[in-house]
Amino acid sequence: MRIDLDRRSKAVLHHVVDEYILTGEPVGSKTICQKAETPIG
């Protein structure tokens, strides 16, 4: 199954996966917003 994501969704997913790999901890929206280099919202 393939799901097409828009640019924003891809950016959010990328940040979630990267942060999870780095920390091994669940990643919340607050963390994503603080760590994102470009505005996501």
C-alpha atoms as a PDB file:
ATOM      1  CA  MET A   1       0.000   0.000   0.000  1.00  0.00           C
ATOM      2  CA  ARG A   2       1.321   3.429  -0.925  1.00  0.00           C
ATOM      3  CA  ILE A   3       0.212   6.672   0.662  1.00  0.00           C
ATOM      4  CA  ASP A   4       1.095   9.979  -0.986  1.00  0.00           C
ATOM      5  CA  LEU A   5       1.984  12.701   1.501  1.00  0.00           C
ATOM      6  CA  ASP A   6       2.053  16.414   0.869  1.00  0.00           C
ATOM      7  CA  ARG A   7       5.185  18.457   1.630  1.00  0.00           C
ATOM      8  CA  ARG A   8       4.068  19.411   5.163  1.00  0.00           C
ATOM      9  CA  SER A   9       3.168  15.830   6.093  1.00  0.00           C
ATOM     10  CA  LYS A  10       6.526  14.582   4.834  1.00  0.00           C
ATOM     11  CA  ALA A  11       8.338  17.246   6.873  1.00  0.00           C
ATOM     12  CA  VAL A  12       6.451  16.317  10.037  1.00  0.00           C
ATOM     13  CA  LEU A  13       7.085  12.606   9.530  1.00  0.00           C
ATOM     14  CA  HIS A  14      10.764  13.280   8.858  1.00  0.00           C
ATOM     15  CA  HIS A  15      11.133  15.246  12.098  1.00  0.00           C
ATOM     16  CA  VAL A  16       9.282  12.611  14.117  1.00  0.00           C
ATOM     17  CA  VAL A  17      11.404   9.750  12.792  1.00  0.00           C
ATOM     18  CA  ASP A  18      14.703  11.633  13.164  1.00  0.00           C
ATOM     19  CA  GLU A  19      13.947  12.688  16.731  1.00  0.00           C
ATOM     20  CA  TYR A  20      12.795   9.193  17.693  1.00  0.00           C
ATOM     21  CA  ILE A  21      15.968   7.654  16.269  1.00  0.00           C
ATOM     22  CA  LEU A  22      18.104  10.158  18.192  1.00  0.00           C
ATOM     23  CA  THR A  23      16.331   9.847  21.532  1.00  0.00           C
ATOM     24  CA  GLY A  24      14.421   6.576  21.540  1.00  0.00           C
ATOM     25  CA  GLU A  25      11.584   8.493  23.226  1.00  0.00           C
ATOM     26  CA  PRO A  26       8.060   9.294  22.014  1.00  0.00           C
ATOM     27  CA  VAL A  27       7.957  12.540  20.041  1.00  0.00           C
ATOM     28  CA  GLY A  28       5.205  15.096  20.600  1.00  0.00           C
ATOM     29  CA  SER A  29       4.104  18.075  18.558  1.00  0.00           C
ATOM     30  CA  LYS A  30       5.800  20.522  20.936  1.00  0.00           C
ATOM     31  CA  THR A  31       9.167  18.840  20.347  1.00  0.00           C
ATOM     32  CA  ILE A  32       8.668  18.874  16.584  1.00  0.00           C
ATOM     33  CA  CYS A  33       7.811  22.584  16.558  1.00  0.00           C
ATOM     34  CA  GLN A  34      10.805  23.456  18.731  1.00  0.00           C
ATOM     35  CA  LYS A  35      13.291  21.418  16.705  1.00  0.00           C
ATOM     36  CA  ALA A  36      12.030  22.151  13.187  1.00  0.00           C
ATOM     37  CA  GLU A  37      14.352  24.338  11.128  1.00  0.00           C
ATOM     38  CA  THR A  38      11.483  25.554   8.981  1.00  0.00           C
ATOM     39  CA  PRO A  39       7.960  26.360  10.185  1.00  0.00           C
ATOM     40  CA  ILE A  40       5.730  23.335   9.883  1.00  0.00           C
ATOM     41  CA  GLY A  41       2.419  24.763  11.074  1.00  0.00           C
END
